[in-house]
PDB file of N, CA and C in Angstrom:
ATOM      1  N   UNK A   1     -13.783  -9.876  13.697  1.00  0.00           N
ATOM      2  CA  UNK A   1     -13.999 -10.592  11.940  1.00  0.00           C
ATOM      3  C   UNK A   1     -13.714  -9.412  11.425  1.00  0.00           C
ATOM      4  N   UNK A   2     -14.718  -8.935  11.807  1.00  0.00           N
ATOM      5  CA  UNK A   2     -15.543  -7.154  11.003  1.00  0.00           C
ATOM      6  C   UNK A   2     -14.079  -6.132  10.912  1.00  0.00           C
ATOM      7  N   UNK A   3     -13.463  -5.991  12.113  1.00  0.00           N
ATOM      8  CA  UNK A   3     -12.802  -4.688  12.180  1.00  0.00           C
ATOM      9  C   UNK A   3     -11.778  -5.165  10.870  1.00  0.00           C
ATOM     10  N   UNK A   4     -11.264  -6.869  10.897  1.00  0.00           N
ATOM     11  CA  UNK A   4     -10.528  -7.260   9.599  1.00  0.00           C
ATOM     12  C   UNK A   4     -11.104  -6.678   8.174  1.00  0.00           C
ATOM     13  N   UNK A   5     -12.177  -6.667   7.846  1.00  0.00           N
ATOM     14  CA  UNK A   5     -12.517  -6.838   6.883  1.00  0.00           C
ATOM     15  C   UNK A   5     -12.739  -5.017   6.814  1.00  0.00           C
ATOM     16  N   UNK A   6     -13.064  -4.376   7.679  1.00  0.00           N
ATOM     17  CA  UNK A   6     -13.183  -3.141   8.096  1.00  0.00           C
ATOM     18  C   UNK A   6     -11.423  -2.684   7.766  1.00  0.00           C
ATOM     19  N   UNK A   7     -10.572  -3.038   7.694  1.00  0.00           N
ATOM     20  CA  UNK A   7      -9.358  -2.420   7.499  1.00  0.00           C
ATOM     21  C   UNK A   7      -9.043  -3.105   5.946  1.00  0.00           C
ATOM     22  N   UNK A   8      -9.393  -4.127   6.210  1.00  0.00           N
ATOM     23  CA  UNK A   8      -8.826  -4.915   4.256  1.00  0.00           C
ATOM     24  C   UNK A   8      -9.725  -4.046   3.398  1.00  0.00           C
ATOM     25  N   UNK A   9     -10.815  -2.578   3.188  1.00  0.00           N
ATOM     26  CA  UNK A   9     -11.455  -2.184   2.149  1.00  0.00           C
ATOM     27  C   UNK A   9     -10.842  -1.242   2.489  1.00  0.00           C
ATOM     28  N   UNK A  10     -10.155  -0.620   3.632  1.00  0.00           N
ATOM     29  CA  UNK A  10     -10.132   0.921   3.853  1.00  0.00           C
ATOM     30  C   UNK A  10      -8.341   0.640   3.243  1.00  0.00           C
ATOM     31  N   UNK A  11      -7.884  -0.447   3.180  1.00  0.00           N
ATOM     32  CA  UNK A  11      -6.514   0.044   2.892  1.00  0.00           C
ATOM     33  C   UNK A  11      -6.225  -0.588   1.480  1.00  0.00           C
ATOM     34  N   UNK A  12      -7.252  -0.877   0.587  1.00  0.00           N
ATOM     35  CA  UNK A  12      -8.015  -1.397  -0.387  1.00  0.00           C
ATOM     36  C   UNK A  12      -8.261  -0.082  -1.567  1.00  0.00           C
ATOM     37  N   UNK A  13      -8.760   1.122  -0.492  1.00  0.00           N
ATOM     38  CA  UNK A  13      -9.390   2.236  -1.052  1.00  0.00           C
ATOM     39  C   UNK A  13      -8.152   2.894  -0.998  1.00  0.00           C
ATOM     40  N   UNK A  14      -7.402   2.820   0.281  1.00  0.00           N
ATOM     41  CA  UNK A  14      -6.155   4.169   0.168  1.00  0.00           C
ATOM     42  C   UNK A  14      -5.402   3.439  -0.779  1.00  0.00           C
ATOM     43  N   UNK A  15      -5.162   1.995  -1.367  1.00  0.00           N
ATOM     44  CA  UNK A  15      -4.244   1.655  -2.200  1.00  0.00           C
ATOM     45  C   UNK A  15      -4.617   2.643  -3.544  1.00  0.00           C
ATOM     46  N   UNK A  16      -5.313   2.032  -3.843  1.00  0.00           N
ATOM     47  CA  UNK A  16      -6.165   3.218  -5.510  1.00  0.00           C
ATOM     48  C   UNK A  16      -5.836   4.105  -5.425  1.00  0.00           C
ATOM     49  N   UNK A  17      -6.266   5.489  -4.216  1.00  0.00           N
ATOM     50  CA  UNK A  17      -6.571   6.450  -4.004  1.00  0.00           C
ATOM     51  C   UNK A  17      -4.938   7.096  -4.684  1.00  0.00           C
ATOM     52  N   UNK A  18      -4.172   6.113  -4.101  1.00  0.00           N
ATOM     53  CA  UNK A  18      -2.603   6.335  -4.263  1.00  0.00           C
ATOM     54  C   UNK A  18      -1.859   6.343  -5.184  1.00  0.00           C
ATOM     55  N   UNK A  19      -2.692   4.659  -6.406  1.00  0.00           N
ATOM     56  CA  UNK A  19      -2.156   5.068  -7.628  1.00  0.00           C
ATOM     57  C   UNK A  19      -2.934   6.112  -7.828  1.00  0.00           C
ATOM     58  N   UNK A  20      -4.117   6.876  -7.916  1.00  0.00           N
ATOM     59  CA  UNK A  20      -4.101   8.296  -8.658  1.00  0.00           C
ATOM     60  C   UNK A  20      -3.700   8.710  -8.637  1.00  0.00           C
ATOM     61  N   UNK A  21      -3.143   8.921  -7.380  1.00  0.00           N
ATOM     62  CA  UNK A  21      -2.664  10.532  -7.488  1.00  0.00           C
ATOM     63  C   UNK A  21      -0.770  10.264  -7.654  1.00  0.00           C
ATOM     64  N   UNK A  22      -0.793   9.200  -7.983  1.00  0.00           N
ATOM     65  CA  UNK A  22       0.576   9.218  -8.917  1.00  0.00           C
ATOM     66  C   UNK A  22       0.737   9.573 -10.026  1.00  0.00           C
ATOM     67  N   UNK A  23       1.722  10.268 -10.738  1.00  0.00           N
ATOM     68  CA  UNK A  23       1.799  10.833 -11.776  1.00  0.00           C
ATOM     69  C   UNK A  23       3.112  10.448 -12.259  1.00  0.00           C
ATOM     70  N   UNK A  24       3.372   8.980 -12.345  1.00  0.00           N
ATOM     71  CA  UNK A  24       3.745   7.801 -12.976  1.00  0.00           C
ATOM     72  C   UNK A  24       2.819   6.587 -12.890  1.00  0.00           C
ATOM     73  N   UNK A  25       1.176   6.587 -12.693  1.00  0.00           N
ATOM     74  CA  UNK A  25       0.677   5.647 -12.527  1.00  0.00           C
ATOM     75  C   UNK A  25       0.158   4.796 -13.770  1.00  0.00           C
ATOM     76  N   UNK A  26       0.770   4.868 -14.997  1.00  0.00           N
ATOM     77  CA  UNK A  26       1.476   4.589 -15.854  1.00  0.00           C
ATOM     78  C   UNK A  26       2.226   2.802 -16.515  1.00  0.00           C
ATOM     79  N   UNK A  27       3.728   3.179 -15.413  1.00  0.00           N
ATOM     80  CA  UNK A  27       4.265   2.079 -15.263  1.00  0.00           C
ATOM     81  C   UNK A  27       4.107   1.091 -14.386  1.00  0.00           C
ATOM     82  N   UNK A  28       2.676   0.602 -13.720  1.00  0.00           N
ATOM     83  CA  UNK A  28       2.978   0.230 -13.252  1.00  0.00           C
ATOM     84  C   UNK A  28       1.380  -0.245 -13.078  1.00  0.00           C
ATOM     85  N   UNK A  29       0.639  -1.902 -12.819  1.00  0.00           N
ATOM     86  CA  UNK A  29      -0.895  -1.885 -12.415  1.00  0.00           C
ATOM     87  C   UNK A  29      -1.512  -1.043 -11.424  1.00  0.00           C
ATOM     88  N   UNK A  30      -2.636  -1.142 -11.840  1.00  0.00           N
ATOM     89  CA  UNK A  30      -3.642  -0.041 -10.716  1.00  0.00           C
ATOM     90  C   UNK A  30      -3.354  -1.543  -9.890  1.00  0.00           C
ATOM     91  N   UNK A  31      -3.295  -2.885  -9.593  1.00  0.00           N
ATOM     92  CA  UNK A  31      -3.765  -3.353  -8.107  1.00  0.00           C
ATOM     93  C   UNK A  31      -2.516  -3.368  -6.893  1.00  0.00           C
ATOM     94  N   UNK A  32      -1.176  -3.360  -7.634  1.00  0.00           N
ATOM     95  CA  UNK A  32      -0.407  -3.049  -7.207  1.00  0.00           C
ATOM     96  C   UNK A  32      -0.031  -2.231  -6.075  1.00  0.00           C
ATOM     97  N   UNK A  33      -0.444  -1.154  -6.333  1.00  0.00           N
ATOM     98  CA  UNK A  33      -0.228  -0.412  -4.735  1.00  0.00           C
ATOM     99  C   UNK A  33      -1.835  -0.688  -3.210  1.00  0.00           C
ATOM    100  N   UNK A  34      -2.815  -1.093  -3.955  1.00  0.00           N
ATOM    101  CA  UNK A  34      -4.506  -1.209  -3.625  1.00  0.00           C
ATOM    102  C   UNK A  34      -3.476  -2.364  -2.920  1.00  0.00           C
ATOM    103  N   UNK A  35      -2.920  -3.769  -3.481  1.00  0.00           N
ATOM    104  CA  UNK A  35      -2.279  -5.100  -3.301  1.00  0.00           C
ATOM    105  C   UNK A  35      -1.292  -5.170  -2.167  1.00  0.00           C
ATOM    106  N   UNK A  36      -0.319  -4.394  -2.169  1.00  0.00           N
ATOM    107  CA  UNK A  36       0.563  -3.892  -1.344  1.00  0.00           C
ATOM    108  C   UNK A  36      -0.478  -3.453   0.535  1.00  0.00           C
ATOM    109  N   UNK A  37      -0.787  -2.295  -0.428  1.00  0.00           N
ATOM    110  CA  UNK A  37      -1.771  -1.809   1.103  1.00  0.00           C
ATOM    111  C   UNK A  37      -2.259  -3.001   1.656  1.00  0.00           C
ATOM    112  N   UNK A  38      -3.216  -3.739   1.338  1.00  0.00           N
ATOM    113  CA  UNK A  38      -4.019  -5.227   1.861  1.00  0.00           C
ATOM    114  C   UNK A  38      -2.745  -6.063   2.487  1.00  0.00           C
ATOM    115  N   UNK A  39      -1.833  -6.669   2.262  1.00  0.00           N
ATOM    116  CA  UNK A  39      -1.420  -7.259   2.574  1.00  0.00           C
ATOM    117  C   UNK A  39      -0.920  -6.784   3.910  1.00  0.00           C
ATOM    118  N   UNK A  40       0.245  -5.531   3.744  1.00  0.00           N
ATOM    119  CA  UNK A  40       0.653  -4.664   4.893  1.00  0.00           C
ATOM    120  C   UNK A  40      -0.480  -4.188   6.074  1.00  0.00           C
ATOM    121  N   UNK A  41      -1.660  -3.665   5.452  1.00  0.00           N
ATOM    122  CA  UNK A  41      -1.991  -3.785   6.451  1.00  0.00           C
ATOM    123  C   UNK A  41      -2.564  -5.151   7.127  1.00  0.00           C
ATOM    124  N   UNK A  42      -3.493  -5.891   6.592  1.00  0.00           N
ATOM    125  CA  UNK A  42      -3.963  -7.283   6.904  1.00  0.00           C
ATOM    126  C   UNK A  42      -2.769  -7.724   8.261  1.00  0.00           C
ATOM    127  N   UNK A  43      -2.021  -7.864   7.679  1.00  0.00           N
ATOM    128  CA  UNK A  43      -0.718  -8.761   8.237  1.00  0.00           C
ATOM    129  C   UNK A  43      -0.021  -7.269   9.660  1.00  0.00           C
ATOM    130  N   UNK A  44      -0.396  -6.496   9.705  1.00  0.00           N
ATOM    131  CA  UNK A  44      -0.719  -5.582  11.360  1.00  0.00           C
ATOM    132  C   UNK A  44      -1.786  -5.812  11.733  1.00  0.00           C
ATOM    133  N   UNK A  45      -3.098  -5.738  11.497  1.00  0.00           N
ATOM    134  CA  UNK A  45      -3.686  -6.600  11.946  1.00  0.00           C
ATOM    135  C   UNK A  45      -3.361  -7.599  12.534  1.00  0.00           C
ATOM    136  N   UNK A  46      -3.649  -8.820  11.931  1.00  0.00           N
ATOM    137  CA  UNK A  46      -3.335  -9.875  13.211  1.00  0.00           C
ATOM    138  C   UNK A  46      -2.569  -9.412  13.729  1.00  0.00           C
ATOM    139  N   UNK A  47      -0.925  -8.376  13.851  1.00  0.00           N
ATOM    140  CA  UNK A  47       0.257  -8.790  14.568  1.00  0.00           C
ATOM    141  C   UNK A  47      -0.817  -7.724  15.929  1.00  0.00           C
ATOM    142  N   UNK A  48      -0.854  -7.189  15.668  1.00  0.00           N
ATOM    143  CA  UNK A  48      -1.967  -6.676  16.901  1.00  0.00           C
ATOM    144  C   UNK A  48      -2.900  -7.256  17.649  1.00  0.00           C
ATOM    145  N   UNK A  49      -3.660  -8.311  16.704  1.00  0.00           N
ATOM    146  CA  UNK A  49      -4.910  -8.657  17.576  1.00  0.00           C
ATOM    147  C   UNK A  49      -3.922 -10.093  18.037  1.00  0.00           C
ATOM    148  N   UNK A  50      -3.155 -10.175  17.521  1.00  0.00           N
ATOM    149  CA  UNK A  50      -2.289 -11.423  18.039  1.00  0.00           C
ATOM    150  C   UNK A  50      -1.344 -10.702  19.823  1.00  0.00           C
ATOM    151  N   UNK A  51      -1.375  -9.632  19.562  1.00  0.00           N
ATOM    152  CA  UNK A  51      -0.345  -9.086  20.480  1.00  0.00           C
ATOM    153  C   UNK A  51      -0.990  -8.350  21.608  1.00  0.00           C
ATOM    154  N   UNK A  52      -2.856  -8.843  21.547  1.00  0.00           N
ATOM    155  CA  UNK A  52      -3.960  -8.413  22.254  1.00  0.00           C
ATOM    156  C   UNK A  52      -4.479  -7.047  22.447  1.00  0.00           C
ATOM    157  N   UNK A  53      -4.201  -5.894  21.230  1.00  0.00           N
ATOM    158  CA  UNK A  53      -4.340  -4.721  21.454  1.00  0.00           C
ATOM    159  C   UNK A  53      -5.649  -4.523  21.576  1.00  0.00           C
ATOM    160  N   UNK A  54      -6.744  -5.418  20.598  1.00  0.00           N
ATOM    161  CA  UNK A  54      -7.920  -5.301  20.095  1.00  0.00           C
ATOM    162  C   UNK A  54      -9.014  -5.941  21.244  1.00  0.00           C
ATOM    163  N   UNK A  55      -8.424  -5.654  22.524  1.00  0.00           N
ATOM    164  CA  UNK A  55      -9.396  -5.761  23.593  1.00  0.00           C
ATOM    165  C   UNK A  55      -9.515  -4.842  24.660  1.00  0.00           C
ATOM    166  N   UNK A  56      -8.148  -4.293  24.852  1.00  0.00           N
ATOM    167  CA  UNK A  56      -7.158  -3.748  26.019  1.00  0.00           C
ATOM    168  C   UNK A  56      -8.783  -1.925  25.878  1.00  0.00           C
ATOM    169  N   UNK A  57      -8.834  -1.804  27.540  1.00  0.00           N
ATOM    170  CA  UNK A  57     -10.321  -0.359  27.016  1.00  0.00           C
ATOM    171  C   UNK A  57      -9.015   1.074  26.641  1.00  0.00           C
ATOM    172  N   UNK A  58      -9.571   1.566  25.924  1.00  0.00           N
ATOM    173  CA  UNK A  58      -8.591   2.745  26.183  1.00  0.00           C
ATOM    174  C   UNK A  58      -7.146   2.606  24.178  1.00  0.00           C
ATOM    175  N   UNK A  59      -7.097   1.608  24.084  1.00  0.00           N
ATOM    176  CA  UNK A  59      -6.576   1.205  22.770  1.00  0.00           C
ATOM    177  C   UNK A  59      -7.203   0.013  21.912  1.00  0.00           C
ATOM    178  N   UNK A  60      -8.466   0.126  21.685  1.00  0.00           N
ATOM    179  CA  UNK A  60      -9.800  -1.029  20.497  1.00  0.00           C
ATOM    180  C   UNK A  60      -9.056   0.262  19.386  1.00  0.00           C
ATOM    181  N   UNK A  61      -9.015   1.515  19.306  1.00  0.00           N
ATOM    182  CA  UNK A  61      -8.688   2.029  18.305  1.00  0.00           C
ATOM    183  C   UNK A  61      -7.213   1.426  17.360  1.00  0.00           C
ATOM    184  N   UNK A  62      -6.011   0.670  17.901  1.00  0.00           N
ATOM    185  CA  UNK A  62      -5.007   0.798  17.449  1.00  0.00           C
ATOM    186  C   UNK A  62      -5.973  -0.256  16.783  1.00  0.00           C
ATOM    187  N   UNK A  63      -6.349  -1.254  16.500  1.00  0.00           N
ATOM    188  CA  UNK A  63      -6.410  -2.390  15.760  1.00  0.00           C
ATOM    189  C   UNK A  63      -7.255  -1.977  14.248  1.00  0.00           C
ATOM    190  N   UNK A  64      -7.784  -0.974  14.647  1.00  0.00           N
ATOM    191  CA  UNK A  64      -8.758   0.018  13.318  1.00  0.00           C
ATOM    192  C   UNK A  64      -7.916   0.695  12.394  1.00  0.00           C
ATOM    193  N   UNK A  65      -7.260   1.637  13.258  1.00  0.00           N
ATOM    194  CA  UNK A  65      -6.656   2.566  12.723  1.00  0.00           C
ATOM    195  C   UNK A  65      -5.067   2.424  12.425  1.00  0.00           C
ATOM    196  N   UNK A  66      -4.658   2.247  13.074  1.00  0.00           N
ATOM    197  CA  UNK A  66      -3.264   1.386  12.629  1.00  0.00           C
ATOM    198  C   UNK A  66      -2.849   0.526  11.614  1.00  0.00           C
ATOM    199  N   UNK A  67      -3.426  -0.305  11.325  1.00  0.00           N
ATOM    200  CA  UNK A  67      -3.435  -1.088   9.553  1.00  0.00           C
ATOM    201  C   UNK A  67      -3.427  -0.046   8.639  1.00  0.00           C
ATOM    202  N   UNK A  68      -4.593   0.581   8.876  1.00  0.00           N
ATOM    203  CA  UNK A  68      -4.876   1.526   8.104  1.00  0.00           C
ATOM    204  C   UNK A  68      -3.356   2.239   7.300  1.00  0.00           C
ATOM    205  N   UNK A  69      -3.626   2.949   8.279  1.00  0.00           N
ATOM    206  CA  UNK A  69      -1.963   4.405   8.038  1.00  0.00           C
ATOM    207  C   UNK A  69      -0.526   3.138   7.639  1.00  0.00           C
ATOM    208  N   UNK A  70      -0.108   2.400   8.612  1.00  0.00           N
ATOM    209  CA  UNK A  70       0.283   1.504   7.982  1.00  0.00           C
ATOM    210  C   UNK A  70       0.416   0.848   6.520  1.00  0.00           C
ATOM    211  N   UNK A  71      -0.660   0.777   5.828  1.00  0.00           N
ATOM    212  CA  UNK A  71      -0.886  -0.118   4.759  1.00  0.00           C
ATOM    213  C   UNK A  71      -1.073   1.010   3.572  1.00  0.00           C
ATOM    214  N   UNK A  72      -1.691   2.817   3.903  1.00  0.00           N
ATOM    215  CA  UNK A  72      -1.287   3.000   2.893  1.00  0.00           C
ATOM    216  C   UNK A  72      -0.454   3.942   2.800  1.00  0.00           C
ATOM    217  N   UNK A  73       1.027   3.842   4.242  1.00  0.00           N
ATOM    218  CA  UNK A  73       2.024   4.614   4.106  1.00  0.00           C
ATOM    219  C   UNK A  73       2.992   3.394   3.250  1.00  0.00           C
ATOM    220  N   UNK A  74       2.954   1.727   2.877  1.00  0.00           N
ATOM    221  CA  UNK A  74       3.430   1.264   2.693  1.00  0.00           C
ATOM    222  C   UNK A  74       3.189   1.386   1.116  1.00  0.00           C
ATOM    223  N   UNK A  75       1.824   1.617   0.745  1.00  0.00           N
ATOM    224  CA  UNK A  75       1.479   2.232  -1.119  1.00  0.00           C
ATOM    225  C   UNK A  75       1.665   2.810  -1.954  1.00  0.00           C
ATOM    226  N   UNK A  76       2.125   4.049  -1.008  1.00  0.00           N
ATOM    227  CA  UNK A  76       3.226   5.131  -0.954  1.00  0.00           C
ATOM    228  C   UNK A  76       4.606   5.206  -1.730  1.00  0.00           C
ATOM    229  N   UNK A  77       5.199   4.206  -0.549  1.00  0.00           N
ATOM    230  CA  UNK A  77       6.646   3.664  -0.044  1.00  0.00           C
ATOM    231  C   UNK A  77       6.545   2.990  -1.834  1.00  0.00           C
ATOM    232  N   UNK A  78       5.735   2.052  -1.726  1.00  0.00           N
ATOM    233  CA  UNK A  78       6.325   1.027  -3.045  1.00  0.00           C
ATOM    234  C   UNK A  78       5.936   1.932  -4.047  1.00  0.00           C
ATOM    235  N   UNK A  79       4.576   2.878  -4.529  1.00  0.00           N
ATOM    236  CA  UNK A  79       4.836   3.746  -5.707  1.00  0.00           C
ATOM    237  C   UNK A  79       6.394   4.730  -5.476  1.00  0.00           C
ATOM    238  N   UNK A  80       6.288   5.022  -4.782  1.00  0.00           N
ATOM    239  CA  UNK A  80       7.779   5.688  -4.668  1.00  0.00           C
ATOM    240  C   UNK A  80       9.034   5.357  -5.297  1.00  0.00           C
ATOM    241  N   UNK A  81       8.779   4.189  -5.093  1.00  0.00           N
ATOM    242  CA  UNK A  81       9.916   3.144  -5.261  1.00  0.00           C
ATOM    243  C   UNK A  81      10.084   3.421  -6.613  1.00  0.00           C
ATOM    244  N   UNK A  82       8.848   2.016  -7.330  1.00  0.00           N
ATOM    245  CA  UNK A  82       8.414   1.662  -8.373  1.00  0.00           C
ATOM    246  C   UNK A  82       8.430   1.905  -9.477  1.00  0.00           C
ATOM    247  N   UNK A  83       7.911   3.566  -9.265  1.00  0.00           N
ATOM    248  CA  UNK A  83       7.643   4.889 -10.106  1.00  0.00           C
ATOM    249  C   UNK A  83       8.815   5.468 -10.368  1.00  0.00           C
ATOM    250  N   UNK A  84       9.947   5.927 -10.036  1.00  0.00           N
ATOM    251  CA  UNK A  84      10.833   6.536 -10.015  1.00  0.00           C
ATOM    252  C   UNK A  84      11.959   5.223 -10.448  1.00  0.00           C
ATOM    253  N   UNK A  85      11.929   3.424 -10.122  1.00  0.00           N
ATOM    254  CA  UNK A  85      13.284   2.869 -11.048  1.00  0.00           C
ATOM    255  C   UNK A  85      12.627   2.252 -12.452  1.00  0.00           C
ATOM    256  N   UNK A  86      11.286   2.106 -12.478  1.00  0.00           N
ATOM    257  CA  UNK A  86      10.839   2.132 -13.683  1.00  0.00           C
ATOM    258  C   UNK A  86      10.958   2.750 -14.607  1.00  0.00           C
ATOM    259  N   UNK A  87      10.448   4.103 -14.198  1.00  0.00           N
ATOM    260  CA  UNK A  87      10.904   5.037 -14.967  1.00  0.00           C
ATOM    261  C   UNK A  87      11.961   5.302 -15.697  1.00  0.00           C
ATOM    262  N   UNK A  88      13.073   5.220 -14.786  1.00  0.00           N
ATOM    263  CA  UNK A  88      14.873   5.473 -14.777  1.00  0.00           C
ATOM    264  C   UNK A  88      14.832   3.773 -16.220  1.00  0.00           C
ATOM    265  N   UNK A  89      14.488   2.982 -16.079  1.00  0.00           N
ATOM    266  CA  UNK A  89      14.155   1.424 -16.848  1.00  0.00           C
ATOM    267  C   UNK A  89      13.916   1.964 -18.159  1.00  0.00           C
ATOM    268  N   UNK A  90      12.866   2.375 -18.496  1.00  0.00           N
ATOM    269  CA  UNK A  90      12.532   2.551 -19.139  1.00  0.00           C
ATOM    270  C   UNK A  90      13.003   4.051 -20.454  1.00  0.00           C
ATOM    271  N   UNK A  91      13.075   4.585 -19.250  1.00  0.00           N
ATOM    272  CA  UNK A  91      14.879   5.527 -20.312  1.00  0.00           C
ATOM    273  C   UNK A  91      15.529   4.888 -21.282  1.00  0.00           C
ATOM    274  N   UNK A  92      16.537   3.998 -19.915  1.00  0.00           N
ATOM    275  CA  UNK A  92      17.210   3.540 -20.368  1.00  0.00           C
ATOM    276  C   UNK A  92      17.567   3.345 -22.035  1.00  0.00           C
ATOM    277  N   UNK A  93      15.920   1.791 -21.690  1.00  0.00           N
ATOM    278  CA  UNK A  93      15.547   0.861 -23.248  1.00  0.00           C
ATOM    279  C   UNK A  93      15.635   1.590 -24.304  1.00  0.00           C
ATOM    280  N   UNK A  94      14.648   2.877 -23.852  1.00  0.00           N
ATOM    281  CA  UNK A  94      14.235   3.717 -25.749  1.00  0.00           C
ATOM    282  C   UNK A  94      15.724   4.554 -25.514  1.00  0.00           C
ATOM    283  N   UNK A  95      16.803   5.182 -24.416  1.00  0.00           N
ATOM    284  CA  UNK A  95      18.008   5.416 -25.289  1.00  0.00           C
ATOM    285  C   UNK A  95      18.631   4.852 -26.113  1.00  0.00           C
ATOM    286  N   UNK A  96      18.795   3.096 -24.880  1.00  0.00           N
ATOM    287  CA  UNK A  96      19.831   2.367 -26.040  1.00  0.00           C
ATOM    288  C   UNK A  96      18.512   1.921 -27.552  1.00  0.00           C
ATOM    289  N   UNK A  97      17.686   1.543 -27.090  1.00  0.00           N
ATOM    290  CA  UNK A  97      16.800   1.401 -28.607  1.00  0.00           C
ATOM    291  C   UNK A  97      17.294   2.245 -29.610  1.00  0.00           C
ATOM    292  N   UNK A  98      16.917   4.026 -29.338  1.00  0.00           N
ATOM    293  CA  UNK A  98      17.501   5.306 -29.946  1.00  0.00           C
ATOM    294  C   UNK A  98      18.554   4.843 -30.521  1.00  0.00           C
ATOM    295  N   UNK A  99      19.734   4.478 -29.682  1.00  0.00           N
ATOM    296  CA  UNK A  99      21.409   4.343 -29.747  1.00  0.00           C
ATOM    297  C   UNK A  99      21.622   3.914 -31.126  1.00  0.00           C
ATOM    298  N   UNK A 100      21.034   2.897 -32.110  1.00  0.00           N
ATOM    299  CA  UNK A 100      21.235   1.871 -32.548  1.00  0.00           C
ATOM    300  C   UNK A 100      20.329   1.982 -34.138  1.00  0.00           C
TER     301      UNK A 100
END
């Protein structure tokens, strides 16, 4: 259970770092990338532990490292998608308001 705690804390930190480094981070909340990273990381950890990778000699690192990497990648993907789509929607709405 300690490994899940470490995974959750590390993926949350990765999500906040991804949010802080995004130039469009004002378009969405700070908790979104961290929440997505934690959810994906925890789900990956659960799947790996259920598959038995936590107790295989030579593969005990897998449930520690892979969920953090996958969670951080999911946070980056969400930030890239939401940042672009939100900026596009905001520009469209502003243009519509200015044309009135």
